[in-house]
Amino acid sequence: MVRVTQRVRAERLQIMLDGEELVAVDDFRFKKRMPSRAAAVRELLKRGLAAEGFLLAAAGVKSSDYGVTGKTPSGRQ
């Protein structure tokens, strides 16, 4: 018998998206047949954390400067 261990997710992460960003997340979700938005966001986070090529954030960059569909602000080394 296979025993399934469920992951306990006790922390909530809240983000705000505009309509275009939400469409991008939902398009990814449906294209990859993900069961929920939360699952799609977790997969995107996993892929992003595994990706290379992001420098440190530039000094003075605000949270609102980052978007799902827009250009990422220039980084610094």
PDB file of N, CA and C in Angstrom:
ATOM      1  N   MET A   1       0.847  -1.177   0.000  1.00  0.00           N
ATOM      2  CA  MET A   1       0.000   0.000   0.000  1.00  0.00           C
ATOM      3  C   MET A   1       0.891   1.239   0.000  1.00  0.00           C
ATOM      4  N   VAL A   2       0.587   2.190  -0.868  1.00  0.00           N
ATOM      5  CA  VAL A   2       1.335   3.431  -0.960  1.00  0.00           C
ATOM      6  C   VAL A   2       0.715   4.451  -0.026  1.00  0.00           C
ATOM      7  N   ARG A   3       1.556   5.033   0.796  1.00  0.00           N
ATOM      8  CA  ARG A   3       1.067   6.050   1.718  1.00  0.00           C
ATOM      9  C   ARG A   3       1.392   7.435   1.157  1.00  0.00           C
ATOM     10  N   VAL A   4       0.386   8.269   1.019  1.00  0.00           N
ATOM     11  CA  VAL A   4       0.565   9.608   0.486  1.00  0.00           C
ATOM     12  C   VAL A   4       0.705  10.581   1.653  1.00  0.00           C
ATOM     13  N   THR A   5       1.784  11.336   1.641  1.00  0.00           N
ATOM     14  CA  THR A   5       1.998  12.338   2.675  1.00  0.00           C
ATOM     15  C   THR A   5       1.576  13.688   2.130  1.00  0.00           C
ATOM     16  N   GLN A   6       0.647  14.343   2.799  1.00  0.00           N
ATOM     17  CA  GLN A   6       0.197  15.658   2.353  1.00  0.00           C
ATOM     18  C   GLN A   6       1.078  16.742   2.946  1.00  0.00           C
ATOM     19  N   ARG A   7       1.396  17.704   2.118  1.00  0.00           N
ATOM     20  CA  ARG A   7       2.196  18.842   2.546  1.00  0.00           C
ATOM     21  C   ARG A   7       1.289  19.823   3.280  1.00  0.00           C
ATOM     22  N   VAL A   8       1.750  20.313   4.412  1.00  0.00           N
ATOM     23  CA  VAL A   8       0.993  21.304   5.167  1.00  0.00           C
ATOM     24  C   VAL A   8       1.439  22.681   4.707  1.00  0.00           C
ATOM     25  N   ARG A   9       0.513  23.455   4.211  1.00  0.00           N
ATOM     26  CA  ARG A   9       0.818  24.810   3.751  1.00  0.00           C
ATOM     27  C   ARG A   9       0.149  25.788   4.708  1.00  0.00           C
ATOM     28  N   ALA A  10       0.918  26.245   5.676  1.00  0.00           N
ATOM     29  CA  ALA A  10       0.364  27.105   6.715  1.00  0.00           C
ATOM     30  C   ALA A  10       0.589  28.589   6.452  1.00  0.00           C
ATOM     31  N   GLU A  11       1.409  28.917   5.461  1.00  0.00           N
ATOM     32  CA  GLU A  11       1.706  30.319   5.167  1.00  0.00           C
ATOM     33  C   GLU A  11       0.957  30.769   3.913  1.00  0.00           C
ATOM     34  N   ARG A  12       0.438  31.957   3.951  1.00  0.00           N
ATOM     35  CA  ARG A  12      -0.297  32.524   2.822  1.00  0.00           C
ATOM     36  C   ARG A  12       0.578  33.602   2.184  1.00  0.00           C
ATOM     37  N   LEU A  13       0.646  33.583   0.862  1.00  0.00           N
ATOM     38  CA  LEU A  13       1.362  34.601   0.105  1.00  0.00           C
ATOM     39  C   LEU A  13       0.353  35.293  -0.788  1.00  0.00           C
ATOM     40  N   GLN A  14       0.209  36.583  -0.602  1.00  0.00           N
ATOM     41  CA  GLN A  14      -0.779  37.325  -1.381  1.00  0.00           C
ATOM     42  C   GLN A  14      -0.052  38.251  -2.340  1.00  0.00           C
ATOM     43  N   ILE A  15      -0.455  38.202  -3.617  1.00  0.00           N
ATOM     44  CA  ILE A  15       0.087  39.125  -4.613  1.00  0.00           C
ATOM     45  C   ILE A  15      -1.074  39.748  -5.371  1.00  0.00           C
ATOM     46  N   MET A  16      -0.835  40.915  -5.901  1.00  0.00           N
ATOM     47  CA  MET A  16      -1.841  41.611  -6.695  1.00  0.00           C
ATOM     48  C   MET A  16      -1.386  41.569  -8.148  1.00  0.00           C
ATOM     49  N   LEU A  17      -2.287  41.216  -9.053  1.00  0.00           N
ATOM     50  CA  LEU A  17      -1.998  41.167 -10.483  1.00  0.00           C
ATOM     51  C   LEU A  17      -2.990  42.042 -11.223  1.00  0.00           C
ATOM     52  N   ASP A  18      -2.538  42.609 -12.349  1.00  0.00           N
ATOM     53  CA  ASP A  18      -3.512  43.312 -13.190  1.00  0.00           C
ATOM     54  C   ASP A  18      -4.157  42.289 -14.122  1.00  0.00           C
ATOM     55  N   GLY A  19      -5.112  42.710 -14.902  1.00  0.00           N
ATOM     56  CA  GLY A  19      -5.851  41.790 -15.759  1.00  0.00           C
ATOM     57  C   GLY A  19      -4.976  41.024 -16.732  1.00  0.00           C
ATOM     58  N   GLU A  20      -4.015  41.711 -17.347  1.00  0.00           N
ATOM     59  CA  GLU A  20      -3.125  41.082 -18.323  1.00  0.00           C
ATOM     60  C   GLU A  20      -2.246  40.015 -17.656  1.00  0.00           C
ATOM     61  N   GLU A  21      -1.772  40.314 -16.457  1.00  0.00           N
ATOM     62  CA  GLU A  21      -0.936  39.352 -15.727  1.00  0.00           C
ATOM     63  C   GLU A  21      -1.746  38.120 -15.336  1.00  0.00           C
ATOM     64  N   LEU A  22      -2.967  38.331 -14.903  1.00  0.00           N
ATOM     65  CA  LEU A  22      -3.822  37.209 -14.530  1.00  0.00           C
ATOM     66  C   LEU A  22      -4.123  36.325 -15.734  1.00  0.00           C
ATOM     67  N   VAL A  23      -4.356  36.938 -16.891  1.00  0.00           N
ATOM     68  CA  VAL A  23      -4.571  36.169 -18.120  1.00  0.00           C
ATOM     69  C   VAL A  23      -3.339  35.328 -18.434  1.00  0.00           C
ATOM     70  N   ALA A  24      -2.142  35.896 -18.250  1.00  0.00           N
ATOM     71  CA  ALA A  24      -0.903  35.146 -18.514  1.00  0.00           C
ATOM     72  C   ALA A  24      -0.789  33.938 -17.590  1.00  0.00           C
ATOM     73  N   VAL A  25      -1.109  34.115 -16.312  1.00  0.00           N
ATOM     74  CA  VAL A  25      -1.064  32.998 -15.364  1.00  0.00           C
ATOM     75  C   VAL A  25      -2.114  31.949 -15.732  1.00  0.00           C
ATOM     76  N   ASP A  26      -3.319  32.389 -16.030  1.00  0.00           N
ATOM     77  CA  ASP A  26      -4.381  31.449 -16.391  1.00  0.00           C
ATOM     78  C   ASP A  26      -4.068  30.722 -17.703  1.00  0.00           C
ATOM     79  N   ASP A  27      -3.486  31.433 -18.676  1.00  0.00           N
ATOM     80  CA  ASP A  27      -3.095  30.776 -19.929  1.00  0.00           C
ATOM     81  C   ASP A  27      -2.080  29.675 -19.664  1.00  0.00           C
ATOM     82  N   PHE A  28      -1.095  29.967 -18.805  1.00  0.00           N
ATOM     83  CA  PHE A  28      -0.102  28.959 -18.431  1.00  0.00           C
ATOM     84  C   PHE A  28      -0.797  27.779 -17.761  1.00  0.00           C
ATOM     85  N   ARG A  29      -1.688  28.092 -16.832  1.00  0.00           N
ATOM     86  CA  ARG A  29      -2.402  27.040 -16.096  1.00  0.00           C
ATOM     87  C   ARG A  29      -3.144  26.093 -17.033  1.00  0.00           C
ATOM     88  N   PHE A  30      -3.918  26.648 -17.954  1.00  0.00           N
ATOM     89  CA  PHE A  30      -4.724  25.805 -18.830  1.00  0.00           C
ATOM     90  C   PHE A  30      -3.870  25.085 -19.870  1.00  0.00           C
ATOM     91  N   LYS A  31      -2.834  25.754 -20.368  1.00  0.00           N
ATOM     92  CA  LYS A  31      -1.940  25.125 -21.339  1.00  0.00           C
ATOM     93  C   LYS A  31      -1.237  23.914 -20.728  1.00  0.00           C
ATOM     94  N   LYS A  32      -0.862  24.027 -19.452  1.00  0.00           N
ATOM     95  CA  LYS A  32      -0.153  22.943 -18.757  1.00  0.00           C
ATOM     96  C   LYS A  32      -1.092  22.023 -17.980  1.00  0.00           C
ATOM     97  N   ARG A  33      -2.401  22.271 -18.100  1.00  0.00           N
ATOM     98  CA  ARG A  33      -3.422  21.464 -17.428  1.00  0.00           C
ATOM     99  C   ARG A  33      -3.225  21.392 -15.908  1.00  0.00           C
ATOM    100  N   MET A  34      -2.893  22.528 -15.329  1.00  0.00           N
ATOM    101  CA  MET A  34      -2.701  22.608 -13.883  1.00  0.00           C
ATOM    102  C   MET A  34      -4.082  22.599 -13.210  1.00  0.00           C
ATOM    103  N   PRO A  35      -4.195  22.004 -12.027  1.00  0.00           N
ATOM    104  CA  PRO A  35      -5.508  21.881 -11.381  1.00  0.00           C
ATOM    105  C   PRO A  35      -6.053  23.177 -10.779  1.00  0.00           C
ATOM    106  N   SER A  36      -5.173  24.170 -10.534  1.00  0.00           N
ATOM    107  CA  SER A  36      -5.636  25.407  -9.911  1.00  0.00           C
ATOM    108  C   SER A  36      -4.656  26.532 -10.217  1.00  0.00           C
ATOM    109  N   ARG A  37      -5.087  27.759  -9.965  1.00  0.00           N
ATOM    110  CA  ARG A  37      -4.176  28.897 -10.087  1.00  0.00           C
ATOM    111  C   ARG A  37      -3.018  28.757  -9.111  1.00  0.00           C
ATOM    112  N   ALA A  38      -3.327  28.331  -7.899  1.00  0.00           N
ATOM    113  CA  ALA A  38      -2.280  28.176  -6.891  1.00  0.00           C
ATOM    114  C   ALA A  38      -1.210  27.184  -7.358  1.00  0.00           C
ATOM    115  N   ALA A  39      -1.632  26.077  -7.945  1.00  0.00           N
ATOM    116  CA  ALA A  39      -0.673  25.094  -8.455  1.00  0.00           C
ATOM    117  C   ALA A  39       0.158  25.694  -9.580  1.00  0.00           C
ATOM    118  N   ALA A  40      -0.476  26.477 -10.447  1.00  0.00           N
ATOM    119  CA  ALA A  40       0.246  27.119 -11.545  1.00  0.00           C
ATOM    120  C   ALA A  40       1.272  28.114 -11.009  1.00  0.00           C
ATOM    121  N   VAL A  41       0.889  28.899 -10.020  1.00  0.00           N
ATOM    122  CA  VAL A  41       1.810  29.871  -9.443  1.00  0.00           C
ATOM    123  C   VAL A  41       2.967  29.154  -8.757  1.00  0.00           C
ATOM    124  N   ARG A  42       2.695  28.064  -8.045  1.00  0.00           N
ATOM    125  CA  ARG A  42       3.780  27.295  -7.418  1.00  0.00           C
ATOM    126  C   ARG A  42       4.753  26.766  -8.469  1.00  0.00           C
ATOM    127  N   GLU A  43       4.232  26.269  -9.588  1.00  0.00           N
ATOM    128  CA  GLU A  43       5.090  25.759 -10.662  1.00  0.00           C
ATOM    129  C   GLU A  43       5.917  26.889 -11.269  1.00  0.00           C
ATOM    130  N   LEU A  44       5.309  28.030 -11.483  1.00  0.00           N
ATOM    131  CA  LEU A  44       6.050  29.169 -12.016  1.00  0.00           C
ATOM    132  C   LEU A  44       7.129  29.638 -11.043  1.00  0.00           C
ATOM    133  N   LEU A  45       6.813  29.643  -9.752  1.00  0.00           N
ATOM    134  CA  LEU A  45       7.824  29.997  -8.745  1.00  0.00           C
ATOM    135  C   LEU A  45       8.974  29.002  -8.759  1.00  0.00           C
ATOM    136  N   LYS A  46       8.651  27.718  -8.831  1.00  0.00           N
ATOM    137  CA  LYS A  46       9.688  26.679  -8.868  1.00  0.00           C
ATOM    138  C   LYS A  46      10.608  26.882 -10.066  1.00  0.00           C
ATOM    139  N   ARG A  47      10.019  27.142 -11.222  1.00  0.00           N
ATOM    140  CA  ARG A  47      10.808  27.369 -12.443  1.00  0.00           C
ATOM    141  C   ARG A  47      11.648  28.642 -12.318  1.00  0.00           C
ATOM    142  N   GLY A  48      11.066  29.679 -11.765  1.00  0.00           N
ATOM    143  CA  GLY A  48      11.802  30.926 -11.597  1.00  0.00           C
ATOM    144  C   GLY A  48      12.966  30.789 -10.635  1.00  0.00           C
ATOM    145  N   LEU A  49      12.760  30.069  -9.548  1.00  0.00           N
ATOM    146  CA  LEU A  49      13.833  29.875  -8.581  1.00  0.00           C
ATOM    147  C   LEU A  49      14.961  29.024  -9.142  1.00  0.00           C
ATOM    148  N   ALA A  50      14.649  28.154 -10.087  1.00  0.00           N
ATOM    149  CA  ALA A  50      15.657  27.295 -10.703  1.00  0.00           C
ATOM    150  C   ALA A  50      16.382  27.991 -11.862  1.00  0.00           C
ATOM    151  N   ALA A  51      15.828  29.093 -12.335  1.00  0.00           N
ATOM    152  CA  ALA A  51      16.392  29.787 -13.497  1.00  0.00           C
ATOM    153  C   ALA A  51      17.660  30.542 -13.120  1.00  0.00           C
ATOM    154  N   GLU A  52      18.506  30.707 -14.098  1.00  0.00           N
ATOM    155  CA  GLU A  52      19.734  31.479 -13.927  1.00  0.00           C
ATOM    156  C   GLU A  52      19.590  32.790 -14.682  1.00  0.00           C
ATOM    157  N   GLY A  53      20.429  33.737 -14.384  1.00  0.00           N
ATOM    158  CA  GLY A  53      20.492  34.946 -15.177  1.00  0.00           C
ATOM    159  C   GLY A  53      19.910  36.188 -14.540  1.00  0.00           C
ATOM    160  N   PHE A  54      19.389  36.117 -13.333  1.00  0.00           N
ATOM    161  CA  PHE A  54      18.852  37.313 -12.689  1.00  0.00           C
ATOM    162  C   PHE A  54      19.909  37.874 -11.761  1.00  0.00           C
ATOM    163  N   LEU A  55      20.279  39.115 -12.005  1.00  0.00           N
ATOM    164  CA  LEU A  55      21.242  39.791 -11.154  1.00  0.00           C
ATOM    165  C   LEU A  55      20.523  40.336  -9.926  1.00  0.00           C
ATOM    166  N   LEU A  56      21.258  40.896  -9.021  1.00  0.00           N
ATOM    167  CA  LEU A  56      20.644  41.538  -7.862  1.00  0.00           C
ATOM    168  C   LEU A  56      19.775  42.695  -8.338  1.00  0.00           C
ATOM    169  N   ALA A  57      18.718  42.948  -7.629  1.00  0.00           N
ATOM    170  CA  ALA A  57      17.833  44.056  -7.987  1.00  0.00           C
ATOM    171  C   ALA A  57      18.585  45.371  -7.856  1.00  0.00           C
ATOM    172  N   ALA A  58      18.322  46.285  -8.757  1.00  0.00           N
ATOM    173  CA  ALA A  58      18.972  47.590  -8.731  1.00  0.00           C
ATOM    174  C   ALA A  58      18.494  48.392  -7.526  1.00  0.00           C
ATOM    175  N   ALA A  59      19.350  49.252  -7.032  1.00  0.00           N
ATOM    176  CA  ALA A  59      18.995  50.099  -5.899  1.00  0.00           C
ATOM    177  C   ALA A  59      17.838  51.010  -6.273  1.00  0.00           C
ATOM    178  N   GLY A  60      16.885  51.145  -5.382  1.00  0.00           N
ATOM    179  CA  GLY A  60      15.774  52.055  -5.587  1.00  0.00           C
ATOM    180  C   GLY A  60      14.612  51.512  -6.391  1.00  0.00           C
ATOM    181  N   VAL A  61      14.693  50.247  -6.822  1.00  0.00           N
ATOM    182  CA  VAL A  61      13.606  49.657  -7.596  1.00  0.00           C
ATOM    183  C   VAL A  61      12.454  49.325  -6.653  1.00  0.00           C
ATOM    184  N   LYS A  62      11.237  49.661  -7.081  1.00  0.00           N
ATOM    185  CA  LYS A  62      10.047  49.420  -6.263  1.00  0.00           C
ATOM    186  C   LYS A  62       9.371  48.118  -6.676  1.00  0.00           C
ATOM    187  N   SER A  63       8.594  47.562  -5.802  1.00  0.00           N
ATOM    188  CA  SER A  63       7.841  46.347  -6.087  1.00  0.00           C
ATOM    189  C   SER A  63       6.961  46.522  -7.318  1.00  0.00           C
ATOM    190  N   SER A  64       6.377  47.696  -7.463  1.00  0.00           N
ATOM    191  CA  SER A  64       5.480  47.945  -8.594  1.00  0.00           C
ATOM    192  C   SER A  64       6.216  47.983  -9.931  1.00  0.00           C
ATOM    193  N   ASP A  65       7.550  48.053  -9.908  1.00  0.00           N
ATOM    194  CA  ASP A  65       8.338  48.038 -11.144  1.00  0.00           C
ATOM    195  C   ASP A  65       8.426  46.640 -11.753  1.00  0.00           C
ATOM    196  N   TYR A  66       8.085  45.623 -10.987  1.00  0.00           N
ATOM    197  CA  TYR A  66       8.144  44.250 -11.472  1.00  0.00           C
ATOM    198  C   TYR A  66       6.765  43.811 -11.910  1.00  0.00           C
ATOM    199  N   GLY A  67       6.698  43.113 -13.042  1.00  0.00           N
ATOM    200  CA  GLY A  67       5.425  42.618 -13.532  1.00  0.00           C
ATOM    201  C   GLY A  67       5.570  41.215 -14.090  1.00  0.00           C
ATOM    202  N   VAL A  68       4.471  40.555 -14.285  1.00  0.00           N
ATOM    203  CA  VAL A  68       4.460  39.209 -14.845  1.00  0.00           C
ATOM    204  C   VAL A  68       4.707  39.257 -16.342  1.00  0.00           C
ATOM    205  N   THR A  69       4.110  40.231 -17.028  1.00  0.00           N
ATOM    206  CA  THR A  69       4.190  40.284 -18.479  1.00  0.00           C
ATOM    207  C   THR A  69       5.108  41.389 -18.988  1.00  0.00           C
ATOM    208  N   GLY A  70       5.488  42.318 -18.138  1.00  0.00           N
ATOM    209  CA  GLY A  70       6.328  43.434 -18.574  1.00  0.00           C
ATOM    210  C   GLY A  70       7.805  43.113 -18.462  1.00  0.00           C
ATOM    211  N   LYS A  71       8.605  44.103 -18.800  1.00  0.00           N
ATOM    212  CA  LYS A  71      10.048  43.963 -18.727  1.00  0.00           C
ATOM    213  C   LYS A  71      10.493  44.061 -17.272  1.00  0.00           C
ATOM    214  N   THR A  72      11.401  43.196 -16.871  1.00  0.00           N
ATOM    215  CA  THR A  72      11.966  43.231 -15.533  1.00  0.00           C
ATOM    216  C   THR A  72      12.969  44.372 -15.453  1.00  0.00           C
ATOM    217  N   PRO A  73      12.970  45.138 -14.362  1.00  0.00           N
ATOM    218  CA  PRO A  73      13.938  46.222 -14.234  1.00  0.00           C
ATOM    219  C   PRO A  73      15.370  45.700 -14.330  1.00  0.00           C
ATOM    220  N   SER A  74      16.261  46.537 -14.827  1.00  0.00           N
ATOM    221  CA  SER A  74      17.666  46.143 -14.943  1.00  0.00           C
ATOM    222  C   SER A  74      18.223  45.830 -13.569  1.00  0.00           C
ATOM    223  N   GLY A  75      19.107  44.856 -13.514  1.00  0.00           N
ATOM    224  CA  GLY A  75      19.741  44.477 -12.245  1.00  0.00           C
ATOM    225  C   GLY A  75      21.126  45.055 -12.120  1.00  0.00           C
ATOM    226  N   ARG A  76      21.791  44.665 -11.069  1.00  0.00           N
ATOM    227  CA  ARG A  76      23.172  45.080 -10.859  1.00  0.00           C
ATOM    228  C   ARG A  76      23.974  43.838 -10.526  1.00  0.00           C
ATOM    229  N   GLN A  77      25.258  43.898 -10.642  1.00  0.00           N
ATOM    230  CA  GLN A  77      26.089  42.730 -10.365  1.00  0.00           C
ATOM    231  C   GLN A  77      26.556  42.717  -8.944  1.00  0.00           C
TER     232      GLN A  77
END
